[in-house]
Amino acid sequence: MSFVESAAIEAVKIIQSQRFYDERGFFSEVWSQARLDVAGINLEFVQDNHSLSTKAGTLRGLHFQSPPRSRKPNLSE
C-alpha cells in the first residue's frame, strides 16, 4: 500500500510504498492512480510495480487481463 504525506514545502508530497516480502524476494506497488487521486494528486500515470527475485531462475506469475483492463507485460532479467 502506498501512502502520501505532506512535506515542509506545501507543493511537495512524499510518496511511500510498502514492500511485500516472500522467499522469492519482494513486490511493491510504487504508483497507483487511485491512491494519488485520494491524496489530491492529479496525474496521467496509471500504475507502476517493482519486484525483486533473489534466486536465479525464479519465475513470477503473469496475470491475464482482458480488455479494457489489459496491459502489456514488461519483463526484464
PDB file of N, CA and C in Angstrom:
ATOM      1  N   MET A   1       0.842  -1.175   0.000  1.00  0.00           N
ATOM      2  CA  MET A   1       0.000   0.000   0.000  1.00  0.00           C
ATOM      3  C   MET A   1       0.885   1.236   0.000  1.00  0.00           C
ATOM      4  N   SER A   2       0.632   2.122  -0.919  1.00  0.00           N
ATOM      5  CA  SER A   2       1.341   3.391  -0.968  1.00  0.00           C
ATOM      6  C   SER A   2       0.584   4.415  -0.144  1.00  0.00           C
ATOM      7  N   PHE A   3       1.302   5.365   0.382  1.00  0.00           N
ATOM      8  CA  PHE A   3       0.624   6.465   1.031  1.00  0.00           C
ATOM      9  C   PHE A   3       1.375   7.750   0.755  1.00  0.00           C
ATOM     10  N   VAL A   4       0.664   8.854   0.836  1.00  0.00           N
ATOM     11  CA  VAL A   4       1.206  10.161   0.503  1.00  0.00           C
ATOM     12  C   VAL A   4       1.166  11.028   1.751  1.00  0.00           C
ATOM     13  N   GLU A   5       2.265  11.710   2.008  1.00  0.00           N
ATOM     14  CA  GLU A   5       2.297  12.642   3.133  1.00  0.00           C
ATOM     15  C   GLU A   5       2.845  13.981   2.670  1.00  0.00           C
ATOM     16  N   SER A   6       2.522  15.005   3.389  1.00  0.00           N
ATOM     17  CA  SER A   6       2.980  16.351   3.051  1.00  0.00           C
ATOM     18  C   SER A   6       4.423  16.546   3.494  1.00  0.00           C
ATOM     19  N   ALA A   7       5.107  17.429   2.793  1.00  0.00           N
ATOM     20  CA  ALA A   7       6.485  17.790   3.142  1.00  0.00           C
ATOM     21  C   ALA A   7       6.484  19.219   3.686  1.00  0.00           C
ATOM     22  N   ALA A   8       7.637  19.691   4.071  1.00  0.00           N
ATOM     23  CA  ALA A   8       7.753  21.052   4.614  1.00  0.00           C
ATOM     24  C   ALA A   8       7.362  22.102   3.571  1.00  0.00           C
ATOM     25  N   ILE A   9       7.628  21.823   2.308  1.00  0.00           N
ATOM     26  CA  ILE A   9       7.227  22.713   1.215  1.00  0.00           C
ATOM     27  C   ILE A   9       5.834  22.278   0.762  1.00  0.00           C
ATOM     28  N   GLU A  10       4.876  23.172   0.758  1.00  0.00           N
ATOM     29  CA  GLU A  10       3.474  22.818   0.519  1.00  0.00           C
ATOM     30  C   GLU A  10       3.242  22.046  -0.778  1.00  0.00           C
ATOM     31  N   ALA A  11       3.909  22.402  -1.860  1.00  0.00           N
ATOM     32  CA  ALA A  11       3.683  21.754  -3.160  1.00  0.00           C
ATOM     33  C   ALA A  11       4.375  20.394  -3.284  1.00  0.00           C
ATOM     34  N   VAL A  12       5.195  20.027  -2.310  1.00  0.00           N
ATOM     35  CA  VAL A  12       5.947  18.765  -2.363  1.00  0.00           C
ATOM     36  C   VAL A  12       5.217  17.697  -1.550  1.00  0.00           C
ATOM     37  N   LYS A  13       5.074  16.508  -2.136  1.00  0.00           N
ATOM     38  CA  LYS A  13       4.468  15.369  -1.452  1.00  0.00           C
ATOM     39  C   LYS A  13       5.483  14.240  -1.383  1.00  0.00           C
ATOM     40  N   ILE A  14       5.451  13.483  -0.301  1.00  0.00           N
ATOM     41  CA  ILE A  14       6.320  12.313  -0.138  1.00  0.00           C
ATOM     42  C   ILE A  14       5.453  11.081  -0.333  1.00  0.00           C
ATOM     43  N   ILE A  15       5.816  10.273  -1.328  1.00  0.00           N
ATOM     44  CA  ILE A  15       5.054   9.063  -1.634  1.00  0.00           C
ATOM     45  C   ILE A  15       5.860   7.866  -1.161  1.00  0.00           C
ATOM     46  N   GLN A  16       5.308   7.117  -0.232  1.00  0.00           N
ATOM     47  CA  GLN A  16       5.957   5.935   0.335  1.00  0.00           C
ATOM     48  C   GLN A  16       5.263   4.695  -0.217  1.00  0.00           C
ATOM     49  N   SER A  17       6.001   3.657  -0.489  1.00  0.00           N
ATOM     50  CA  SER A  17       5.383   2.393  -0.890  1.00  0.00           C
ATOM     51  C   SER A  17       5.827   1.297   0.072  1.00  0.00           C
ATOM     52  N   GLN A  18       4.972   0.306   0.217  1.00  0.00           N
ATOM     53  CA  GLN A  18       5.256  -0.818   1.109  1.00  0.00           C
ATOM     54  C   GLN A  18       5.764  -1.990   0.284  1.00  0.00           C
ATOM     55  N   ARG A  19       6.769  -2.687   0.770  1.00  0.00           N
ATOM     56  CA  ARG A  19       7.278  -3.886   0.110  1.00  0.00           C
ATOM     57  C   ARG A  19       6.695  -5.118   0.786  1.00  0.00           C
ATOM     58  N   PHE A  20       6.285  -6.072  -0.047  1.00  0.00           N
ATOM     59  CA  PHE A  20       5.752  -7.339   0.435  1.00  0.00           C
ATOM     60  C   PHE A  20       6.788  -8.414   0.133  1.00  0.00           C
ATOM     61  N   TYR A  21       7.398  -8.977   1.161  1.00  0.00           N
ATOM     62  CA  TYR A  21       8.491  -9.939   1.012  1.00  0.00           C
ATOM     63  C   TYR A  21       7.985 -11.370   1.097  1.00  0.00           C
ATOM     64  N   ASP A  22       8.618 -12.248   0.327  1.00  0.00           N
ATOM     65  CA  ASP A  22       8.433 -13.688   0.475  1.00  0.00           C
ATOM     66  C   ASP A  22       9.752 -14.365   0.112  1.00  0.00           C
ATOM     67  N   GLU A  23       9.756 -15.694   0.003  1.00  0.00           N
ATOM     68  CA  GLU A  23      11.003 -16.417  -0.249  1.00  0.00           C
ATOM     69  C   GLU A  23      11.627 -16.086  -1.604  1.00  0.00           C
ATOM     70  N   ARG A  24      10.851 -15.499  -2.522  1.00  0.00           N
ATOM     71  CA  ARG A  24      11.371 -15.138  -3.849  1.00  0.00           C
ATOM     72  C   ARG A  24      12.050 -13.784  -3.863  1.00  0.00           C
ATOM     73  N   GLY A  25      11.727 -12.903  -2.923  1.00  0.00           N
ATOM     74  CA  GLY A  25      12.233 -11.532  -2.923  1.00  0.00           C
ATOM     75  C   GLY A  25      11.159 -10.602  -2.417  1.00  0.00           C
ATOM     76  N   PHE A  26      10.790  -9.581  -3.218  1.00  0.00           N
ATOM     77  CA  PHE A  26       9.731  -8.679  -2.796  1.00  0.00           C
ATOM     78  C   PHE A  26       8.936  -8.184  -3.983  1.00  0.00           C
ATOM     79  N   PHE A  27       7.789  -7.600  -3.686  1.00  0.00           N
ATOM     80  CA  PHE A  27       6.934  -6.928  -4.657  1.00  0.00           C
ATOM     81  C   PHE A  27       6.453  -5.648  -4.012  1.00  0.00           C
ATOM     82  N   SER A  28       6.398  -4.572  -4.781  1.00  0.00           N
ATOM     83  CA  SER A  28       5.805  -3.344  -4.252  1.00  0.00           C
ATOM     84  C   SER A  28       5.094  -2.600  -5.371  1.00  0.00           C
ATOM     85  N   GLU A  29       3.954  -2.032  -5.035  1.00  0.00           N
ATOM     86  CA  GLU A  29       3.231  -1.160  -5.949  1.00  0.00           C
ATOM     87  C   GLU A  29       3.769   0.234  -5.677  1.00  0.00           C
ATOM     88  N   VAL A  30       4.515   0.786  -6.639  1.00  0.00           N
ATOM     89  CA  VAL A  30       5.159   2.071  -6.393  1.00  0.00           C
ATOM     90  C   VAL A  30       4.384   3.244  -6.970  1.00  0.00           C
ATOM     91  N   TRP A  31       3.329   2.950  -7.727  1.00  0.00           N
ATOM     92  CA  TRP A  31       2.493   4.014  -8.268  1.00  0.00           C
ATOM     93  C   TRP A  31       1.080   3.493  -8.384  1.00  0.00           C
ATOM     94  N   SER A  32       0.122   4.215  -7.911  1.00  0.00           N
ATOM     95  CA  SER A  32      -1.281   3.848  -8.035  1.00  0.00           C
ATOM     96  C   SER A  32      -2.106   5.106  -8.253  1.00  0.00           C
ATOM     97  N   GLN A  33      -2.729   5.215  -9.422  1.00  0.00           N
ATOM     98  CA  GLN A  33      -3.541   6.384  -9.738  1.00  0.00           C
ATOM     99  C   GLN A  33      -4.644   6.587  -8.707  1.00  0.00           C
ATOM    100  N   ALA A  34      -5.301   5.504  -8.299  1.00  0.00           N
ATOM    101  CA  ALA A  34      -6.399   5.615  -7.339  1.00  0.00           C
ATOM    102  C   ALA A  34      -5.923   6.213  -6.012  1.00  0.00           C
ATOM    103  N   ARG A  35      -4.766   5.764  -5.522  1.00  0.00           N
ATOM    104  CA  ARG A  35      -4.261   6.283  -4.246  1.00  0.00           C
ATOM    105  C   ARG A  35      -3.846   7.750  -4.354  1.00  0.00           C
ATOM    106  N   LEU A  36      -3.281   8.123  -5.511  1.00  0.00           N
ATOM    107  CA  LEU A  36      -2.894   9.518  -5.701  1.00  0.00           C
ATOM    108  C   LEU A  36      -4.116  10.413  -5.855  1.00  0.00           C
ATOM    109  N   ASP A  37      -5.155   9.907  -6.522  1.00  0.00           N
ATOM    110  CA  ASP A  37      -6.403  10.676  -6.626  1.00  0.00           C
ATOM    111  C   ASP A  37      -6.943  11.018  -5.246  1.00  0.00           C
ATOM    112  N   VAL A  38      -6.932  10.038  -4.340  1.00  0.00           N
ATOM    113  CA  VAL A  38      -7.417  10.260  -2.977  1.00  0.00           C
ATOM    114  C   VAL A  38      -6.594  11.349  -2.284  1.00  0.00           C
ATOM    115  N   ALA A  39      -5.294  11.408  -2.603  1.00  0.00           N
ATOM    116  CA  ALA A  39      -4.407  12.402  -1.988  1.00  0.00           C
ATOM    117  C   ALA A  39      -4.452  13.746  -2.703  1.00  0.00           C
ATOM    118  N   GLY A  40      -5.304  13.858  -3.745  1.00  0.00           N
ATOM    119  CA  GLY A  40      -5.420  15.126  -4.463  1.00  0.00           C
ATOM    120  C   GLY A  40      -4.336  15.358  -5.494  1.00  0.00           C
ATOM    121  N   ILE A  41      -3.613  14.305  -5.889  1.00  0.00           N
ATOM    122  CA  ILE A  41      -2.573  14.413  -6.912  1.00  0.00           C
ATOM    123  C   ILE A  41      -3.171  13.926  -8.223  1.00  0.00           C
ATOM    124  N   ASN A  42      -3.298  14.832  -9.195  1.00  0.00           N
ATOM    125  CA  ASN A  42      -3.951  14.510 -10.454  1.00  0.00           C
ATOM    126  C   ASN A  42      -2.917  14.424 -11.572  1.00  0.00           C
ATOM    127  N   LEU A  43      -2.512  13.197 -11.909  1.00  0.00           N
ATOM    128  CA  LEU A  43      -1.544  12.955 -12.975  1.00  0.00           C
ATOM    129  C   LEU A  43      -2.088  11.886 -13.917  1.00  0.00           C
ATOM    130  N   GLU A  44      -1.502  11.748 -15.097  1.00  0.00           N
ATOM    131  CA  GLU A  44      -1.962  10.787 -16.095  1.00  0.00           C
ATOM    132  C   GLU A  44      -1.117   9.512 -16.121  1.00  0.00           C
ATOM    133  N   PHE A  45      -0.596   9.075 -15.003  1.00  0.00           N
ATOM    134  CA  PHE A  45       0.220   7.868 -14.912  1.00  0.00           C
ATOM    135  C   PHE A  45      -0.594   6.846 -14.132  1.00  0.00           C
ATOM    136  N   VAL A  46      -0.801   5.645 -14.665  1.00  0.00           N
ATOM    137  CA  VAL A  46      -1.756   4.717 -14.074  1.00  0.00           C
ATOM    138  C   VAL A  46      -1.179   3.923 -12.909  1.00  0.00           C
ATOM    139  N   GLN A  47      -0.133   3.146 -13.116  1.00  0.00           N
ATOM    140  CA  GLN A  47       0.416   2.321 -12.032  1.00  0.00           C
ATOM    141  C   GLN A  47       1.801   1.835 -12.421  1.00  0.00           C
ATOM    142  N   ASP A  48       2.658   1.635 -11.423  1.00  0.00           N
ATOM    143  CA  ASP A  48       3.994   1.097 -11.631  1.00  0.00           C
ATOM    144  C   ASP A  48       4.286   0.145 -10.482  1.00  0.00           C
ATOM    145  N   ASN A  49       4.782  -1.038 -10.793  1.00  0.00           N
ATOM    146  CA  ASN A  49       5.112  -2.025  -9.767  1.00  0.00           C
ATOM    147  C   ASN A  49       6.596  -2.350  -9.834  1.00  0.00           C
ATOM    148  N   HIS A  50       7.140  -2.776  -8.736  1.00  0.00           N
ATOM    149  CA  HIS A  50       8.562  -3.103  -8.650  1.00  0.00           C
ATOM    150  C   HIS A  50       8.685  -4.412  -7.900  1.00  0.00           C
ATOM    151  N   SER A  51       9.452  -5.347  -8.446  1.00  0.00           N
ATOM    152  CA  SER A  51       9.689  -6.606  -7.743  1.00  0.00           C
ATOM    153  C   SER A  51      11.144  -7.001  -7.888  1.00  0.00           C
ATOM    154  N   LEU A  52      11.613  -7.816  -6.971  1.00  0.00           N
ATOM    155  CA  LEU A  52      12.973  -8.348  -6.998  1.00  0.00           C
ATOM    156  C   LEU A  52      12.904  -9.817  -6.652  1.00  0.00           C
ATOM    157  N   SER A  53      13.464 -10.654  -7.494  1.00  0.00           N
ATOM    158  CA  SER A  53      13.581 -12.081  -7.208  1.00  0.00           C
ATOM    159  C   SER A  53      15.033 -12.353  -6.850  1.00  0.00           C
ATOM    160  N   THR A  54      15.268 -12.896  -5.667  1.00  0.00           N
ATOM    161  CA  THR A  54      16.631 -13.073  -5.188  1.00  0.00           C
ATOM    162  C   THR A  54      17.296 -14.340  -5.690  1.00  0.00           C
ATOM    163  N   LYS A  55      16.504 -15.344  -6.087  1.00  0.00           N
ATOM    164  CA  LYS A  55      17.079 -16.596  -6.587  1.00  0.00           C
ATOM    165  C   LYS A  55      17.086 -16.607  -8.103  1.00  0.00           C
ATOM    166  N   ALA A  56      18.217 -17.031  -8.698  1.00  0.00           N
ATOM    167  CA  ALA A  56      18.298 -17.149 -10.148  1.00  0.00           C
ATOM    168  C   ALA A  56      17.268 -18.152 -10.643  1.00  0.00           C
ATOM    169  N   GLY A  57      16.626 -17.835 -11.762  1.00  0.00           N
ATOM    170  CA  GLY A  57      15.655 -18.739 -12.346  1.00  0.00           C
ATOM    171  C   GLY A  57      14.249 -18.618 -11.780  1.00  0.00           C
ATOM    172  N   THR A  58      14.032 -17.685 -10.877  1.00  0.00           N
ATOM    173  CA  THR A  58      12.697 -17.514 -10.300  1.00  0.00           C
ATOM    174  C   THR A  58      11.754 -16.957 -11.354  1.00  0.00           C
ATOM    175  N   LEU A  59      10.580 -17.544 -11.457  1.00  0.00           N
ATOM    176  CA  LEU A  59       9.562 -17.072 -12.378  1.00  0.00           C
ATOM    177  C   LEU A  59       8.352 -16.606 -11.579  1.00  0.00           C
ATOM    178  N   ARG A  60       7.948 -15.404 -11.810  1.00  0.00           N
ATOM    179  CA  ARG A  60       6.749 -14.875 -11.161  1.00  0.00           C
ATOM    180  C   ARG A  60       5.601 -14.972 -12.143  1.00  0.00           C
ATOM    181  N   GLY A  61       4.412 -15.217 -11.629  1.00  0.00           N
ATOM    182  CA  GLY A  61       3.239 -15.378 -12.486  1.00  0.00           C
ATOM    183  C   GLY A  61       2.816 -14.090 -13.152  1.00  0.00           C
ATOM    184  N   LEU A  62       2.394 -14.198 -14.402  1.00  0.00           N
ATOM    185  CA  LEU A  62       1.811 -13.070 -15.110  1.00  0.00           C
ATOM    186  C   LEU A  62       0.300 -13.219 -15.027  1.00  0.00           C
ATOM    187  N   HIS A  63      -0.386 -12.182 -14.694  1.00  0.00           N
ATOM    188  CA  HIS A  63      -1.831 -12.230 -14.532  1.00  0.00           C
ATOM    189  C   HIS A  63      -2.495 -11.859 -15.847  1.00  0.00           C
ATOM    190  N   PHE A  64      -3.330 -12.743 -16.364  1.00  0.00           N
ATOM    191  CA  PHE A  64      -4.034 -12.478 -17.604  1.00  0.00           C
ATOM    192  C   PHE A  64      -5.136 -11.464 -17.355  1.00  0.00           C
ATOM    193  N   GLN A  65      -5.223 -10.480 -18.227  1.00  0.00           N
ATOM    194  CA  GLN A  65      -6.266  -9.472 -18.119  1.00  0.00           C
ATOM    195  C   GLN A  65      -6.883  -9.255 -19.487  1.00  0.00           C
ATOM    196  N   SER A  66      -8.188  -9.178 -19.519  1.00  0.00           N
ATOM    197  CA  SER A  66      -8.919  -8.936 -20.762  1.00  0.00           C
ATOM    198  C   SER A  66      -9.171  -7.444 -20.938  1.00  0.00           C
ATOM    199  N   PRO A  67      -9.208  -6.986 -22.199  1.00  0.00           N
ATOM    200  CA  PRO A  67      -9.561  -5.588 -22.441  1.00  0.00           C
ATOM    201  C   PRO A  67     -10.927  -5.275 -21.832  1.00  0.00           C
ATOM    202  N   PRO A  68     -11.156  -4.123 -21.334  1.00  0.00           N
ATOM    203  CA  PRO A  68     -10.347  -2.907 -21.483  1.00  0.00           C
ATOM    204  C   PRO A  68      -9.300  -2.731 -20.387  1.00  0.00           C
ATOM    205  N   ARG A  69      -9.136  -3.701 -19.489  1.00  0.00           N
ATOM    206  CA  ARG A  69      -8.193  -3.560 -18.375  1.00  0.00           C
ATOM    207  C   ARG A  69      -6.869  -4.276 -18.612  1.00  0.00           C
ATOM    208  N   SER A  70      -6.622  -4.709 -19.830  1.00  0.00           N
ATOM    209  CA  SER A  70      -5.386  -5.444 -20.110  1.00  0.00           C
ATOM    210  C   SER A  70      -4.207  -4.466 -20.166  1.00  0.00           C
ATOM    211  N   ARG A  71      -3.045  -4.993 -19.933  1.00  0.00           N
ATOM    212  CA  ARG A  71      -1.827  -4.200 -20.062  1.00  0.00           C
ATOM    213  C   ARG A  71      -0.711  -5.091 -20.567  1.00  0.00           C
ATOM    214  N   LYS A  72       0.250  -4.501 -21.222  1.00  0.00           N
ATOM    215  CA  LYS A  72       1.375  -5.214 -21.795  1.00  0.00           C
ATOM    216  C   LYS A  72       2.385  -5.526 -20.699  1.00  0.00           C
ATOM    217  N   PRO A  73       2.761  -6.814 -20.514  1.00  0.00           N
ATOM    218  CA  PRO A  73       3.772  -7.114 -19.502  1.00  0.00           C
ATOM    219  C   PRO A  73       5.144  -6.596 -19.916  1.00  0.00           C
ATOM    220  N   ASN A  74       5.904  -6.134 -18.968  1.00  0.00           N
ATOM    221  CA  ASN A  74       7.252  -5.668 -19.191  1.00  0.00           C
ATOM    222  C   ASN A  74       8.187  -6.596 -18.421  1.00  0.00           C
ATOM    223  N   LEU A  75       8.887  -7.467 -19.131  1.00  0.00           N
ATOM    224  CA  LEU A  75       9.748  -8.454 -18.477  1.00  0.00           C
ATOM    225  C   LEU A  75      11.202  -8.041 -18.607  1.00  0.00           C
ATOM    226  N   SER A  76      11.953  -8.217 -17.551  1.00  0.00           N
ATOM    227  CA  SER A  76      13.390  -7.946 -17.596  1.00  0.00           C
ATOM    228  C   SER A  76      14.104  -8.950 -16.715  1.00  0.00           C
ATOM    229  N   GLU A  77      15.374  -9.134 -16.977  1.00  0.00           N
ATOM    230  CA  GLU A  77      16.188 -10.055 -16.177  1.00  0.00           C
ATOM    231  C   GLU A  77      16.945  -9.301 -15.125  1.00  0.00           C
TER     232      GLU A  77
END
